[in-house]
N, C-alpha and C. Protein backbone atom coordinates (compact mmCIF):
# COMPACT_ATOMS: atom_id res chain seq x y z
N SER A 1 0.84 -1.19 0.00
CA SER A 1 0.00 0.00 0.00
C SER A 1 0.88 1.25 0.00
N SER A 2 0.36 2.34 -0.58
CA SER A 2 1.18 3.55 -0.71
C SER A 2 1.15 4.42 0.55
N TYR A 3 0.20 4.16 1.45
CA TYR A 3 0.17 4.93 2.69
C TYR A 3 0.61 4.06 3.86
N PRO A 4 0.92 4.68 4.99
CA PRO A 4 1.53 3.94 6.11
C PRO A 4 0.69 2.77 6.60
N ALA A 5 1.39 1.72 7.02
CA ALA A 5 0.75 0.50 7.52
C ALA A 5 -0.19 0.79 8.69
N ALA A 6 0.08 1.82 9.45
CA ALA A 6 -0.77 2.14 10.60
C ALA A 6 -2.21 2.40 10.19
N ARG A 7 -2.43 2.77 8.93
CA ARG A 7 -3.78 3.07 8.45
C ARG A 7 -4.39 1.93 7.64
N TRP A 8 -3.73 0.77 7.60
CA TRP A 8 -4.24 -0.36 6.83
C TRP A 8 -5.53 -0.92 7.41
N THR A 9 -6.36 -1.45 6.54
CA THR A 9 -7.55 -2.19 6.95
C THR A 9 -7.13 -3.64 7.21
N VAL A 10 -8.06 -4.44 7.72
CA VAL A 10 -7.78 -5.87 7.93
C VAL A 10 -7.39 -6.52 6.60
N THR A 11 -8.09 -6.18 5.54
CA THR A 11 -7.80 -6.75 4.21
C THR A 11 -6.37 -6.44 3.76
N GLU A 12 -5.94 -5.20 3.97
CA GLU A 12 -4.58 -4.82 3.59
C GLU A 12 -3.54 -5.55 4.44
N THR A 13 -3.85 -5.75 5.71
CA THR A 13 -2.96 -6.51 6.59
C THR A 13 -2.86 -7.96 6.11
N ILE A 14 -3.99 -8.52 5.73
CA ILE A 14 -4.03 -9.90 5.21
C ILE A 14 -3.18 -10.00 3.94
N ASN A 15 -3.31 -9.01 3.06
CA ASN A 15 -2.51 -9.00 1.83
C ASN A 15 -1.02 -8.93 2.15
N TRP A 16 -0.69 -8.14 3.16
CA TRP A 16 0.72 -8.02 3.59
C TRP A 16 1.22 -9.38 4.09
N LEU A 17 0.43 -10.04 4.95
CA LEU A 17 0.82 -11.36 5.48
C LEU A 17 0.98 -12.35 4.33
N ARG A 18 0.08 -12.31 3.37
CA ARG A 18 0.15 -13.18 2.19
C ARG A 18 1.46 -12.95 1.44
N SER A 19 1.90 -11.68 1.39
CA SER A 19 3.13 -11.34 0.65
C SER A 19 4.40 -11.87 1.32
N LEU A 20 4.29 -12.28 2.58
CA LEU A 20 5.47 -12.78 3.30
C LEU A 20 5.83 -14.23 2.90
N GLY A 21 4.96 -14.84 2.13
CA GLY A 21 5.29 -16.19 1.65
C GLY A 21 4.23 -17.22 1.97
N ARG A 22 4.29 -18.31 1.22
CA ARG A 22 3.28 -19.37 1.32
C ARG A 22 3.17 -19.97 2.72
N THR A 23 4.31 -20.13 3.37
CA THR A 23 4.32 -20.81 4.68
C THR A 23 3.46 -20.09 5.70
N LEU A 24 3.44 -18.76 5.63
CA LEU A 24 2.72 -17.99 6.64
C LEU A 24 1.24 -17.80 6.30
N ARG A 25 0.83 -18.24 5.12
CA ARG A 25 -0.57 -18.06 4.70
C ARG A 25 -1.54 -18.85 5.58
N ARG A 26 -1.02 -19.86 6.26
CA ARG A 26 -1.89 -20.65 7.16
C ARG A 26 -2.44 -19.79 8.30
N TYR A 27 -1.81 -18.62 8.54
CA TYR A 27 -2.26 -17.75 9.64
C TYR A 27 -3.26 -16.69 9.20
N LEU A 28 -3.59 -16.67 7.92
CA LEU A 28 -4.55 -15.69 7.42
C LEU A 28 -5.88 -15.73 8.17
N PRO A 29 -6.47 -16.94 8.39
CA PRO A 29 -7.74 -16.99 9.13
C PRO A 29 -7.63 -16.42 10.56
N LYS A 30 -6.47 -16.63 11.18
CA LYS A 30 -6.29 -16.11 12.55
C LYS A 30 -6.24 -14.58 12.57
N PHE A 31 -5.52 -14.02 11.59
CA PHE A 31 -5.44 -12.55 11.49
C PHE A 31 -6.82 -11.97 11.20
N THR A 32 -7.58 -12.68 10.36
CA THR A 32 -8.94 -12.23 10.02
C THR A 32 -9.85 -12.32 11.24
N ALA A 33 -9.82 -13.45 11.91
CA ALA A 33 -10.69 -13.67 13.09
C ALA A 33 -10.40 -12.65 14.19
N HIS A 34 -9.14 -12.29 14.35
CA HIS A 34 -8.75 -11.32 15.38
C HIS A 34 -8.84 -9.88 14.88
N LYS A 35 -9.30 -9.72 13.63
CA LYS A 35 -9.45 -8.39 13.02
C LYS A 35 -8.18 -7.54 13.17
N ILE A 36 -7.05 -8.12 12.77
CA ILE A 36 -5.77 -7.41 12.88
C ILE A 36 -5.66 -6.40 11.74
N ASP A 37 -5.84 -5.14 12.09
CA ASP A 37 -5.66 -4.07 11.09
C ASP A 37 -4.23 -3.54 11.21
N GLY A 38 -3.92 -2.48 10.49
CA GLY A 38 -2.56 -1.97 10.47
C GLY A 38 -2.03 -1.52 11.83
N SER A 39 -2.86 -0.79 12.58
CA SER A 39 -2.35 -0.30 13.87
C SER A 39 -2.14 -1.46 14.84
N GLN A 40 -3.04 -2.46 14.81
CA GLN A 40 -2.85 -3.64 15.66
C GLN A 40 -1.63 -4.44 15.22
N LEU A 41 -1.45 -4.55 13.91
CA LEU A 41 -0.29 -5.28 13.37
C LEU A 41 1.01 -4.68 13.92
N LEU A 42 1.10 -3.35 13.88
CA LEU A 42 2.33 -2.68 14.33
C LEU A 42 2.56 -2.84 15.83
N SER A 43 1.50 -3.16 16.58
CA SER A 43 1.68 -3.32 18.03
C SER A 43 1.87 -4.78 18.45
N LEU A 44 1.87 -5.70 17.48
CA LEU A 44 2.06 -7.12 17.82
C LEU A 44 3.47 -7.37 18.37
N ASP A 45 3.54 -8.24 19.36
CA ASP A 45 4.83 -8.64 19.92
C ASP A 45 4.87 -10.17 19.97
N PRO A 46 6.01 -10.75 20.31
CA PRO A 46 6.12 -12.22 20.32
C PRO A 46 5.05 -12.91 21.18
N GLN A 47 4.73 -12.32 22.33
CA GLN A 47 3.75 -12.93 23.24
C GLN A 47 2.36 -12.98 22.60
N ARG A 48 1.93 -11.87 22.00
CA ARG A 48 0.61 -11.85 21.36
C ARG A 48 0.55 -12.82 20.19
N LEU A 49 1.64 -12.88 19.42
CA LEU A 49 1.66 -13.82 18.29
C LEU A 49 1.51 -15.26 18.79
N GLU A 50 2.22 -15.57 19.87
CA GLU A 50 2.20 -16.95 20.38
C GLU A 50 0.90 -17.27 21.12
N HIS A 51 0.48 -16.39 22.03
CA HIS A 51 -0.65 -16.72 22.91
C HIS A 51 -2.00 -16.34 22.33
N ASP A 52 -2.13 -15.14 21.76
CA ASP A 52 -3.43 -14.71 21.23
C ASP A 52 -3.71 -15.29 19.85
N LEU A 53 -2.70 -15.21 18.96
CA LEU A 53 -2.91 -15.70 17.60
C LEU A 53 -2.50 -17.16 17.43
N LYS A 54 -1.98 -17.75 18.51
CA LYS A 54 -1.62 -19.19 18.53
C LYS A 54 -0.63 -19.57 17.42
N ILE A 55 0.36 -18.70 17.19
CA ILE A 55 1.42 -19.03 16.23
C ILE A 55 2.54 -19.66 17.04
N SER A 56 2.54 -20.99 17.07
CA SER A 56 3.46 -21.71 17.96
C SER A 56 4.85 -21.88 17.37
N ASN A 57 4.97 -21.82 16.05
CA ASN A 57 6.28 -22.02 15.41
C ASN A 57 7.14 -20.76 15.56
N PRO A 58 8.27 -20.88 16.31
CA PRO A 58 9.10 -19.69 16.57
C PRO A 58 9.69 -19.07 15.29
N ILE A 59 9.96 -19.90 14.30
CA ILE A 59 10.51 -19.38 13.03
C ILE A 59 9.45 -18.53 12.33
N HIS A 60 8.21 -18.98 12.37
CA HIS A 60 7.12 -18.21 11.76
C HIS A 60 6.89 -16.90 12.51
N ARG A 61 6.94 -16.95 13.83
CA ARG A 61 6.80 -15.72 14.63
C ARG A 61 7.90 -14.73 14.28
N THR A 62 9.13 -15.24 14.19
CA THR A 62 10.28 -14.38 13.87
C THR A 62 10.11 -13.73 12.51
N ARG A 63 9.67 -14.52 11.53
CA ARG A 63 9.49 -13.98 10.17
C ARG A 63 8.42 -12.87 10.16
N ILE A 64 7.33 -13.08 10.86
CA ILE A 64 6.27 -12.07 10.94
C ILE A 64 6.78 -10.82 11.66
N LEU A 65 7.51 -11.03 12.75
CA LEU A 65 8.04 -9.89 13.51
C LEU A 65 9.07 -9.10 12.70
N GLU A 66 9.88 -9.80 11.90
CA GLU A 66 10.83 -9.10 11.04
C GLU A 66 10.09 -8.23 10.03
N GLY A 67 9.00 -8.77 9.49
CA GLY A 67 8.18 -8.00 8.56
C GLY A 67 7.57 -6.78 9.23
N ILE A 68 7.11 -6.95 10.46
CA ILE A 68 6.52 -5.84 11.23
C ILE A 68 7.58 -4.79 11.52
N ASP A 69 8.80 -5.23 11.89
CA ASP A 69 9.89 -4.27 12.13
C ASP A 69 10.18 -3.44 10.89
N GLU A 70 10.13 -4.08 9.73
CA GLU A 70 10.36 -3.37 8.47
C GLU A 70 9.27 -2.32 8.25
N LEU A 71 8.03 -2.68 8.55
CA LEU A 71 6.92 -1.73 8.43
C LEU A 71 7.10 -0.56 9.39
N ARG A 72 7.56 -0.86 10.60
CA ARG A 72 7.79 0.22 11.59
C ARG A 72 8.87 1.18 11.11
N ARG A 73 9.94 0.63 10.49
CA ARG A 73 11.00 1.49 9.94
C ARG A 73 10.45 2.37 8.83
N ASP A 74 9.64 1.76 7.94
CA ASP A 74 9.02 2.53 6.86
C ASP A 74 8.14 3.64 7.42
N LEU A 75 7.40 3.33 8.47
CA LEU A 75 6.51 4.30 9.10
C LEU A 75 7.32 5.45 9.69
N LYS A 76 8.44 5.11 10.32
CA LYS A 76 9.31 6.13 10.92
C LYS A 76 9.85 7.06 9.83
N HIS A 77 10.30 6.47 8.71
CA HIS A 77 10.81 7.28 7.59
C HIS A 77 9.70 8.14 7.01
N HIS A 78 8.49 7.58 6.93
CA HIS A 78 7.35 8.32 6.40
C HIS A 78 7.06 9.53 7.28
N HIS A 79 7.08 9.33 8.61
CA HIS A 79 6.83 10.44 9.54
C HIS A 79 7.90 11.52 9.43
N GLN A 80 9.15 11.10 9.31
CA GLN A 80 10.24 12.08 9.18
C GLN A 80 10.10 12.87 7.89
N ALA A 81 9.73 12.19 6.82
CA ALA A 81 9.62 12.83 5.51
C ALA A 81 8.43 13.78 5.45
N THR A 82 7.33 13.46 6.14
CA THR A 82 6.12 14.26 6.00
C THR A 82 5.94 15.29 7.11
N ARG A 83 6.84 15.36 8.06
CA ARG A 83 6.67 16.29 9.16
C ARG A 83 6.57 17.72 8.63
N GLY A 84 5.39 18.32 8.78
CA GLY A 84 5.20 19.71 8.41
C GLY A 84 5.10 19.98 6.92
N ALA A 85 4.95 18.95 6.09
CA ALA A 85 4.87 19.19 4.65
C ALA A 85 3.67 18.47 4.07
N PRO A 86 2.88 19.16 3.25
CA PRO A 86 1.73 18.48 2.64
C PRO A 86 2.17 17.39 1.67
N ALA A 87 1.38 16.34 1.56
CA ALA A 87 1.73 15.19 0.74
C ALA A 87 1.99 15.55 -0.71
N ALA A 88 1.18 16.42 -1.27
CA ALA A 88 1.35 16.79 -2.69
C ALA A 88 2.69 17.48 -2.91
N ALA A 89 3.08 18.34 -1.99
CA ALA A 89 4.37 19.03 -2.11
C ALA A 89 5.51 18.04 -2.01
N LEU A 90 5.37 17.08 -1.11
CA LEU A 90 6.40 16.06 -0.97
C LEU A 90 6.52 15.23 -2.24
N ARG A 91 5.36 14.86 -2.80
CA ARG A 91 5.38 14.04 -4.01
C ARG A 91 6.13 14.78 -5.12
N SER A 92 5.81 16.05 -5.31
CA SER A 92 6.46 16.77 -6.41
C SER A 92 7.94 17.02 -6.10
N ALA A 93 8.29 17.13 -4.84
CA ALA A 93 9.70 17.35 -4.49
C ALA A 93 10.51 16.06 -4.66
N SER A 94 9.91 14.94 -4.30
CA SER A 94 10.66 13.68 -4.38
C SER A 94 10.59 13.05 -5.75
N GLU A 95 9.52 13.30 -6.50
CA GLU A 95 9.40 12.72 -7.83
C GLU A 95 8.99 13.79 -8.84
N PRO A 96 9.87 14.74 -9.12
CA PRO A 96 9.48 15.78 -10.06
C PRO A 96 9.29 15.20 -11.46
N ASN A 97 8.28 15.69 -12.15
CA ASN A 97 8.11 15.22 -13.53
C ASN A 97 9.08 15.98 -14.42
N LYS A 98 9.16 15.59 -15.69
CA LYS A 98 10.14 16.20 -16.60
C LYS A 98 9.94 17.70 -16.71
N GLN A 99 8.68 18.14 -16.77
CA GLN A 99 8.38 19.57 -16.92
C GLN A 99 8.92 20.35 -15.72
N THR A 100 8.73 19.81 -14.51
CA THR A 100 9.21 20.48 -13.30
C THR A 100 10.72 20.58 -13.34
N ARG A 101 11.39 19.47 -13.72
CA ARG A 101 12.86 19.49 -13.78
C ARG A 101 13.34 20.51 -14.80
N LYS A 102 12.68 20.54 -15.96
CA LYS A 102 13.08 21.45 -17.02
C LYS A 102 12.92 22.90 -16.55
N THR A 103 11.79 23.20 -15.94
CA THR A 103 11.54 24.55 -15.43
C THR A 103 12.57 24.92 -14.38
N ARG A 104 12.85 23.97 -13.48
CA ARG A 104 13.80 24.25 -12.41
C ARG A 104 15.18 24.56 -13.00
N SER A 105 15.64 23.74 -13.95
CA SER A 105 16.97 23.96 -14.51
C SER A 105 17.00 25.24 -15.34
N MET A 106 15.92 25.57 -16.05
CA MET A 106 15.87 26.82 -16.81
C MET A 106 15.92 28.00 -15.85
N GLY A 107 15.26 27.86 -14.70
CA GLY A 107 15.31 28.93 -13.69
C GLY A 107 16.73 29.17 -13.22
N ASP A 108 17.48 28.11 -13.04
CA ASP A 108 18.88 28.25 -12.62
C ASP A 108 19.70 28.96 -13.70
N VAL A 109 19.45 28.61 -14.97
CA VAL A 109 20.17 29.24 -16.08
C VAL A 109 19.82 30.72 -16.13
N ASP A 110 18.52 31.04 -15.99
CA ASP A 110 18.08 32.44 -16.00
C ASP A 110 18.74 33.22 -14.87
N LEU A 111 18.80 32.62 -13.69
CA LEU A 111 19.43 33.28 -12.55
C LEU A 111 20.91 33.53 -12.84
N PHE A 112 21.60 32.54 -13.38
CA PHE A 112 23.02 32.67 -13.71
C PHE A 112 23.22 33.78 -14.74
N ASN A 113 22.38 33.76 -15.79
CA ASN A 113 22.50 34.78 -16.84
C ASN A 113 22.26 36.17 -16.30
N SER A 114 21.28 36.35 -15.42
CA SER A 114 20.99 37.68 -14.91
C SER A 114 22.13 38.18 -14.02
N ILE A 115 22.77 37.28 -13.29
CA ILE A 115 23.92 37.68 -12.45
C ILE A 115 25.08 38.06 -13.36
N THR A 116 25.34 37.24 -14.36
CA THR A 116 26.45 37.49 -15.28
C THR A 116 26.25 38.81 -16.02
N VAL A 117 25.05 39.02 -16.56
CA VAL A 117 24.75 40.26 -17.28
C VAL A 117 24.86 41.43 -16.33
N GLY A 118 24.38 41.26 -15.11
CA GLY A 118 24.44 42.34 -14.12
C GLY A 118 25.87 42.76 -13.83
N ILE A 119 26.77 41.81 -13.73
CA ILE A 119 28.19 42.12 -13.44
C ILE A 119 28.82 42.83 -14.63
N CYS A 120 28.57 42.31 -15.83
CA CYS A 120 29.17 42.90 -17.03
C CYS A 120 28.60 44.29 -17.31
N ALA A 121 27.34 44.50 -16.97
CA ALA A 121 26.70 45.78 -17.27
C ALA A 121 27.02 46.84 -16.22
N SER A 122 27.47 46.43 -15.05
CA SER A 122 27.75 47.42 -14.01
C SER A 122 29.02 48.19 -14.36
N PRO A 123 29.11 49.43 -13.90
CA PRO A 123 30.29 50.24 -14.22
C PRO A 123 31.59 49.56 -13.78
N ILE A 124 31.58 48.90 -12.61
CA ILE A 124 32.78 48.23 -12.12
C ILE A 124 33.14 47.07 -13.04
N GLY A 125 32.13 46.26 -13.37
CA GLY A 125 32.36 45.12 -14.26
C GLY A 125 32.83 45.60 -15.62
N HIS A 126 32.27 46.70 -16.09
CA HIS A 126 32.61 47.22 -17.42
C HIS A 126 34.07 47.69 -17.44
N ARG A 127 34.45 48.44 -16.39
CA ARG A 127 35.84 48.92 -16.31
C ARG A 127 36.82 47.77 -16.32
N ARG A 128 36.49 46.75 -15.50
CA ARG A 128 37.37 45.59 -15.44
C ARG A 128 37.46 44.94 -16.82
N HIS A 129 36.34 44.89 -17.52
CA HIS A 129 36.28 44.27 -18.83
C HIS A 129 37.12 45.06 -19.84
N THR A 130 37.05 46.39 -19.78
CA THR A 130 37.78 47.21 -20.77
C THR A 130 39.27 47.24 -20.46
N ARG A 131 39.62 47.21 -19.17
CA ARG A 131 41.04 47.22 -18.82
C ARG A 131 41.75 45.97 -19.30
N ALA A 132 41.03 44.88 -19.27
CA ALA A 132 41.64 43.60 -19.68
C ALA A 132 42.06 43.62 -21.14
N HIS A 133 41.41 44.45 -21.97
CA HIS A 133 41.75 44.50 -23.41
C HIS A 133 42.85 45.43 -23.64
């Protein structure tokens, strides 16, 4: 999903669990029965996995917890990236389209040209220019 796991529905959480591999798909009914949505998923710990969701295989618990840790890291990065900035502005800043890039680079060229012309046109710049010849 393109938005943080904390906002996932039960269906999105189920899809995430399915993506972890065939072996863990046997736990889909348990996640569904317990209505594990994104915020609950992020709060799962080894004890809840073992006792509440009855995931007795320690390797399976570890794999699920590693996946959850990855989601938590993604969430942390998402929060850092979006702090104080609207999503649309972030999108255009992180993934500028060709037109935006072209405009931005042309703006830099225009700025450079105006500074260069300003120096050459100023009396000081002009004197320096004529003395050199």
